[in-house]
């Protein structure tokens, strides 16, 4: 007989707003800002290195916050929290805005090639 895991936290929209706000604030803490900057500098805007170096640091920062709300202290907890946020994004504009802000903290700014696709000769 299969049953749902007991550790699966369920948060209301209001609780999700609070947790998401705390996660964003955690990225602003000086020690976490330094950790993220160091990881980004080591990655040198290489997407593969970003996944290897920046993503684990970002995951740890999120885990430190969300574990207090019943999410497990492994990558799975961050994924479950992300799914919960995604679910509420369509229902709540404040969560949607905070989600965009969080993504901007995690992902590097994308440089787009010039329109026309011409690469300047050097």
N, C-alpha and C. Protein backbone atom coordinates (compact mmCIF):
# COMPACT_ATOMS: atom_id res chain seq x y z
N UNK A 1 0.84 -1.18 0.00
CA UNK A 1 0.00 0.00 0.00
C UNK A 1 0.88 1.24 0.00
N UNK A 2 0.86 1.99 -1.06
CA UNK A 2 1.70 3.18 -1.17
C UNK A 2 0.99 4.37 -0.53
N UNK A 3 1.77 5.16 0.18
CA UNK A 3 1.21 6.37 0.77
C UNK A 3 2.14 7.54 0.50
N UNK A 4 1.59 8.74 0.54
CA UNK A 4 2.39 9.94 0.31
C UNK A 4 3.37 10.12 1.46
N UNK A 5 4.57 10.62 1.18
CA UNK A 5 5.54 10.84 2.26
C UNK A 5 5.00 11.81 3.30
N UNK A 6 5.20 11.50 4.55
CA UNK A 6 4.69 12.34 5.63
C UNK A 6 5.40 13.69 5.69
N UNK A 7 6.62 13.75 5.17
CA UNK A 7 7.40 14.98 5.25
C UNK A 7 6.99 16.02 4.22
N UNK A 8 6.07 15.71 3.34
CA UNK A 8 5.69 16.65 2.30
C UNK A 8 4.99 17.85 2.93
N UNK A 9 5.67 18.99 3.03
CA UNK A 9 5.05 20.16 3.63
C UNK A 9 3.99 20.76 2.70
N UNK A 10 2.96 21.27 3.29
CA UNK A 10 1.95 21.98 2.53
C UNK A 10 1.86 23.38 3.11
N UNK A 11 2.10 24.35 2.26
CA UNK A 11 2.07 25.74 2.69
C UNK A 11 0.92 26.46 2.00
N UNK A 12 0.33 27.38 2.71
CA UNK A 12 -0.70 28.23 2.11
C UNK A 12 -0.01 29.28 1.24
N UNK A 13 -0.80 30.02 0.50
CA UNK A 13 -0.25 31.11 -0.32
C UNK A 13 0.50 32.09 0.59
N UNK A 14 -0.11 32.44 1.72
CA UNK A 14 0.51 33.40 2.63
C UNK A 14 1.83 32.88 3.18
N UNK A 15 1.84 31.61 3.58
CA UNK A 15 3.08 31.01 4.10
C UNK A 15 4.16 30.95 3.02
N UNK A 16 3.74 30.64 1.80
CA UNK A 16 4.69 30.58 0.70
C UNK A 16 5.31 31.96 0.45
N UNK A 17 4.50 33.02 0.55
CA UNK A 17 5.03 34.39 0.42
C UNK A 17 6.11 34.65 1.46
N UNK A 18 5.83 34.25 2.71
CA UNK A 18 6.77 34.48 3.80
C UNK A 18 8.08 33.73 3.55
N UNK A 19 7.98 32.46 3.20
CA UNK A 19 9.18 31.64 2.98
C UNK A 19 9.97 32.18 1.80
N UNK A 20 9.28 32.52 0.72
CA UNK A 20 9.95 33.05 -0.46
C UNK A 20 10.66 34.36 -0.14
N UNK A 21 10.02 35.19 0.65
CA UNK A 21 10.64 36.45 1.08
C UNK A 21 11.90 36.18 1.90
N UNK A 22 11.83 35.19 2.79
CA UNK A 22 13.00 34.84 3.61
C UNK A 22 14.14 34.28 2.76
N UNK A 23 13.79 33.49 1.74
CA UNK A 23 14.81 32.95 0.84
C UNK A 23 15.52 34.10 0.12
N UNK A 24 14.74 35.05 -0.41
CA UNK A 24 15.33 36.19 -1.11
C UNK A 24 16.22 37.00 -0.16
N UNK A 25 15.75 37.21 1.07
CA UNK A 25 16.56 37.93 2.06
C UNK A 25 17.85 37.18 2.38
N UNK A 26 17.80 35.85 2.39
CA UNK A 26 18.99 35.06 2.68
C UNK A 26 20.08 35.30 1.63
N UNK A 27 19.68 35.50 0.38
CA UNK A 27 20.67 35.78 -0.66
C UNK A 27 21.30 37.15 -0.48
N UNK A 28 20.64 38.04 0.27
CA UNK A 28 21.18 39.39 0.52
C UNK A 28 22.13 39.43 1.71
N UNK A 29 22.14 38.38 2.53
CA UNK A 29 23.03 38.35 3.68
C UNK A 29 24.48 38.42 3.19
N UNK A 30 25.32 39.23 3.85
CA UNK A 30 26.69 39.44 3.37
C UNK A 30 27.47 38.15 3.11
N UNK A 31 27.35 37.17 4.02
CA UNK A 31 28.12 35.93 3.82
C UNK A 31 27.62 35.16 2.60
N UNK A 32 26.31 35.20 2.34
CA UNK A 32 25.77 34.49 1.18
C UNK A 32 26.05 35.25 -0.12
N UNK A 33 26.02 36.58 -0.05
CA UNK A 33 26.39 37.37 -1.22
C UNK A 33 27.83 37.06 -1.62
N UNK A 34 28.71 36.97 -0.63
CA UNK A 34 30.12 36.65 -0.90
C UNK A 34 30.26 35.25 -1.49
N UNK A 35 29.51 34.29 -0.95
CA UNK A 35 29.57 32.91 -1.47
C UNK A 35 29.11 32.86 -2.93
N UNK A 36 28.02 33.56 -3.24
CA UNK A 36 27.51 33.56 -4.60
C UNK A 36 28.48 34.26 -5.56
N UNK A 37 29.03 35.38 -5.12
CA UNK A 37 29.98 36.12 -5.97
C UNK A 37 31.21 35.26 -6.27
N UNK A 38 31.72 34.59 -5.25
CA UNK A 38 32.89 33.73 -5.44
C UNK A 38 32.58 32.61 -6.44
N UNK A 39 31.42 32.00 -6.30
CA UNK A 39 31.03 30.93 -7.22
C UNK A 39 30.86 31.46 -8.64
N UNK A 40 30.24 32.64 -8.78
CA UNK A 40 30.05 33.23 -10.11
C UNK A 40 31.38 33.57 -10.76
N UNK A 41 32.29 34.14 -9.98
CA UNK A 41 33.61 34.49 -10.52
C UNK A 41 34.34 33.24 -10.97
N UNK A 42 34.24 32.17 -10.21
CA UNK A 42 34.90 30.92 -10.58
C UNK A 42 34.28 30.32 -11.84
N UNK A 43 33.00 30.56 -12.05
CA UNK A 43 32.30 30.00 -13.21
C UNK A 43 32.58 30.78 -14.50
N UNK A 44 32.98 32.02 -14.39
CA UNK A 44 33.34 32.84 -15.56
C UNK A 44 32.27 32.85 -16.64
N UNK A 45 31.00 32.96 -16.27
CA UNK A 45 29.88 33.01 -17.22
C UNK A 45 29.78 31.79 -18.12
N UNK A 46 30.43 30.69 -17.75
CA UNK A 46 30.32 29.44 -18.48
C UNK A 46 29.13 28.69 -17.89
N UNK A 47 28.11 28.41 -18.72
CA UNK A 47 26.87 27.82 -18.19
C UNK A 47 27.13 26.47 -17.52
N UNK A 48 28.00 25.66 -18.07
CA UNK A 48 28.31 24.38 -17.45
C UNK A 48 28.92 24.56 -16.07
N UNK A 49 29.84 25.52 -15.96
CA UNK A 49 30.46 25.79 -14.66
C UNK A 49 29.47 26.44 -13.70
N UNK A 50 28.52 27.21 -14.26
CA UNK A 50 27.50 27.81 -13.39
C UNK A 50 26.70 26.70 -12.71
N UNK A 51 26.36 25.67 -13.48
CA UNK A 51 25.61 24.55 -12.92
C UNK A 51 26.43 23.80 -11.88
N UNK A 52 27.73 23.69 -12.09
CA UNK A 52 28.60 22.96 -11.16
C UNK A 52 28.94 23.77 -9.92
N UNK A 53 29.09 25.08 -10.06
CA UNK A 53 29.61 25.89 -8.96
C UNK A 53 28.55 26.78 -8.30
N UNK A 54 27.73 27.44 -9.09
CA UNK A 54 26.76 28.40 -8.53
C UNK A 54 25.52 27.70 -8.01
N UNK A 55 25.00 26.76 -8.78
CA UNK A 55 23.76 26.08 -8.38
C UNK A 55 23.87 25.40 -7.02
N UNK A 56 24.95 24.68 -6.71
CA UNK A 56 25.04 24.07 -5.37
C UNK A 56 25.04 25.10 -4.23
N UNK A 57 25.70 26.23 -4.44
CA UNK A 57 25.72 27.27 -3.41
C UNK A 57 24.31 27.84 -3.23
N UNK A 58 23.64 28.12 -4.34
CA UNK A 58 22.28 28.65 -4.29
C UNK A 58 21.33 27.67 -3.61
N UNK A 59 21.52 26.39 -3.90
CA UNK A 59 20.69 25.35 -3.28
C UNK A 59 20.91 25.32 -1.77
N UNK A 60 22.16 25.41 -1.34
CA UNK A 60 22.46 25.40 0.10
C UNK A 60 21.82 26.59 0.81
N UNK A 61 21.89 27.76 0.18
CA UNK A 61 21.30 28.96 0.79
C UNK A 61 19.79 28.77 0.96
N UNK A 62 19.14 28.24 -0.07
CA UNK A 62 17.70 28.00 0.02
C UNK A 62 17.37 26.95 1.07
N UNK A 63 18.17 25.88 1.12
CA UNK A 63 17.93 24.81 2.08
C UNK A 63 17.98 25.33 3.51
N UNK A 64 18.92 26.24 3.77
CA UNK A 64 19.06 26.78 5.12
C UNK A 64 17.77 27.45 5.59
N UNK A 65 17.03 28.04 4.66
CA UNK A 65 15.78 28.72 5.01
C UNK A 65 14.61 27.74 5.06
N UNK A 66 14.45 26.95 4.00
CA UNK A 66 13.22 26.16 3.87
C UNK A 66 13.15 24.96 4.81
N UNK A 67 14.29 24.52 5.35
CA UNK A 67 14.24 23.37 6.26
C UNK A 67 13.43 23.70 7.51
N UNK A 68 13.37 24.97 7.89
CA UNK A 68 12.57 25.37 9.05
C UNK A 68 11.07 25.24 8.80
N UNK A 69 10.69 25.04 7.53
CA UNK A 69 9.28 24.94 7.16
C UNK A 69 8.89 23.52 6.76
N UNK A 70 9.74 22.55 7.11
CA UNK A 70 9.39 21.15 6.89
C UNK A 70 9.93 20.52 5.62
N UNK A 71 10.66 21.28 4.81
CA UNK A 71 11.26 20.70 3.61
C UNK A 71 12.54 20.00 4.01
N UNK A 72 12.84 18.87 3.36
CA UNK A 72 14.04 18.14 3.74
C UNK A 72 15.28 18.94 3.36
N UNK A 73 16.38 18.61 4.01
CA UNK A 73 17.60 19.38 3.87
C UNK A 73 18.49 18.82 2.76
N UNK A 74 17.85 18.38 1.70
CA UNK A 74 18.57 17.87 0.53
C UNK A 74 18.03 18.61 -0.68
N UNK A 75 18.62 18.37 -1.82
CA UNK A 75 18.17 19.03 -3.05
C UNK A 75 16.70 18.81 -3.34
N UNK A 76 16.18 17.66 -2.91
CA UNK A 76 14.78 17.34 -3.13
C UNK A 76 13.85 18.37 -2.46
N UNK A 77 14.23 18.86 -1.30
CA UNK A 77 13.43 19.87 -0.61
C UNK A 77 13.33 21.15 -1.42
N UNK A 78 14.44 21.57 -2.02
CA UNK A 78 14.44 22.78 -2.85
C UNK A 78 13.55 22.58 -4.07
N UNK A 79 13.61 21.39 -4.67
CA UNK A 79 12.77 21.11 -5.84
C UNK A 79 11.29 21.14 -5.47
N UNK A 80 10.94 20.57 -4.32
CA UNK A 80 9.54 20.58 -3.87
C UNK A 80 9.07 22.00 -3.60
N UNK A 81 9.94 22.81 -2.99
CA UNK A 81 9.59 24.20 -2.73
C UNK A 81 9.41 24.94 -4.05
N UNK A 82 10.29 24.69 -5.02
CA UNK A 82 10.19 25.35 -6.33
C UNK A 82 8.87 24.97 -7.01
N UNK A 83 8.47 23.70 -6.90
CA UNK A 83 7.19 23.27 -7.49
C UNK A 83 6.01 23.98 -6.82
N UNK A 84 6.10 24.13 -5.51
CA UNK A 84 5.03 24.80 -4.76
C UNK A 84 4.92 26.27 -5.21
N UNK A 85 6.08 26.93 -5.32
CA UNK A 85 6.10 28.32 -5.77
C UNK A 85 5.50 28.41 -7.18
N UNK A 86 5.92 27.52 -8.05
CA UNK A 86 5.42 27.51 -9.43
C UNK A 86 3.90 27.36 -9.46
N UNK A 87 3.38 26.50 -8.60
CA UNK A 87 1.95 26.29 -8.54
C UNK A 87 1.21 27.57 -8.13
N UNK A 88 1.78 28.30 -7.16
CA UNK A 88 1.12 29.51 -6.66
C UNK A 88 1.38 30.74 -7.54
N UNK A 89 2.39 30.68 -8.41
CA UNK A 89 2.70 31.84 -9.27
C UNK A 89 1.49 32.29 -10.07
N UNK A 90 0.71 31.35 -10.56
CA UNK A 90 -0.44 31.69 -11.40
C UNK A 90 -1.60 32.25 -10.58
N UNK A 91 -1.59 31.97 -9.28
CA UNK A 91 -2.69 32.40 -8.42
C UNK A 91 -2.41 33.71 -7.69
N UNK A 92 -1.12 34.04 -7.54
CA UNK A 92 -0.77 35.16 -6.69
C UNK A 92 0.31 36.02 -7.35
N UNK A 93 -0.03 37.27 -7.71
CA UNK A 93 0.95 38.14 -8.39
C UNK A 93 2.18 38.45 -7.53
N UNK A 94 2.01 38.51 -6.22
CA UNK A 94 3.15 38.79 -5.34
C UNK A 94 4.15 37.63 -5.36
N UNK A 95 3.65 36.40 -5.34
CA UNK A 95 4.53 35.23 -5.43
C UNK A 95 5.19 35.21 -6.80
N UNK A 96 4.45 35.53 -7.84
CA UNK A 96 5.02 35.55 -9.19
C UNK A 96 6.17 36.55 -9.27
N UNK A 97 5.98 37.74 -8.69
CA UNK A 97 7.02 38.77 -8.71
C UNK A 97 8.24 38.33 -7.90
N UNK A 98 8.01 37.72 -6.74
CA UNK A 98 9.13 37.25 -5.92
C UNK A 98 9.87 36.11 -6.61
N UNK A 99 9.14 35.27 -7.33
CA UNK A 99 9.76 34.17 -8.05
C UNK A 99 10.69 34.71 -9.14
N UNK A 100 10.25 35.74 -9.86
CA UNK A 100 11.09 36.36 -10.89
C UNK A 100 12.35 36.95 -10.23
N UNK A 101 12.18 37.58 -9.08
CA UNK A 101 13.33 38.16 -8.38
C UNK A 101 14.31 37.06 -7.96
N UNK A 102 13.79 35.97 -7.43
CA UNK A 102 14.66 34.86 -7.01
C UNK A 102 15.42 34.30 -8.22
N UNK A 103 14.72 34.10 -9.32
CA UNK A 103 15.38 33.58 -10.53
C UNK A 103 16.48 34.52 -10.99
N UNK A 104 16.26 35.83 -10.87
CA UNK A 104 17.29 36.79 -11.29
C UNK A 104 18.52 36.71 -10.39
N UNK A 105 18.32 36.29 -9.13
CA UNK A 105 19.46 36.12 -8.22
C UNK A 105 20.25 34.86 -8.56
N UNK A 106 19.57 33.86 -9.11
CA UNK A 106 20.19 32.58 -9.38
C UNK A 106 20.84 32.50 -10.75
N UNK A 107 20.18 33.08 -11.74
CA UNK A 107 20.64 32.96 -13.12
C UNK A 107 21.45 34.18 -13.54
N UNK A 108 22.51 33.97 -14.31
CA UNK A 108 23.29 35.11 -14.78
C UNK A 108 22.49 35.88 -15.84
N UNK A 109 22.77 37.15 -15.98
CA UNK A 109 22.11 37.89 -17.06
C UNK A 109 22.55 37.31 -18.39
N UNK A 110 21.61 37.12 -19.28
CA UNK A 110 21.93 36.54 -20.57
C UNK A 110 22.35 37.65 -21.53
N UNK A 111 23.47 37.44 -22.18
CA UNK A 111 23.87 38.41 -23.20
C UNK A 111 23.32 37.91 -24.52
N UNK A 112 22.61 38.78 -25.20
CA UNK A 112 22.01 38.39 -26.47
C UNK A 112 22.87 38.91 -27.60
N UNK A 113 22.97 38.13 -28.66
CA UNK A 113 23.75 38.60 -29.81
C UNK A 113 23.04 39.77 -30.46
N UNK A 114 23.79 40.61 -31.15
CA UNK A 114 23.15 41.76 -31.82
C UNK A 114 22.14 41.28 -32.83
N UNK A 115 21.12 42.09 -33.05
CA UNK A 115 20.10 41.76 -34.04
C UNK A 115 20.77 41.71 -35.40
N UNK A 116 20.45 40.71 -36.16
CA UNK A 116 21.08 40.52 -37.45
C UNK A 116 22.12 39.41 -37.37
N UNK A 117 22.53 39.07 -36.16
CA UNK A 117 23.42 37.95 -35.95
C UNK A 117 24.85 38.16 -36.41
N UNK A 118 25.20 39.36 -36.84
CA UNK A 118 26.56 39.60 -37.29
C UNK A 118 27.51 39.62 -36.10
N UNK A 119 28.61 38.90 -36.25
CA UNK A 119 29.63 38.89 -35.19
C UNK A 119 30.74 39.81 -35.67
N UNK A 120 31.05 40.84 -34.86
CA UNK A 120 32.08 41.78 -35.29
C UNK A 120 33.42 41.09 -35.48
N UNK A 121 34.10 41.45 -36.55
CA UNK A 121 35.44 40.88 -36.81
C UNK A 121 36.45 41.54 -35.90
N UNK A 122 37.39 40.73 -35.41
CA UNK A 122 38.39 41.32 -34.53
C UNK A 122 39.76 41.29 -35.16
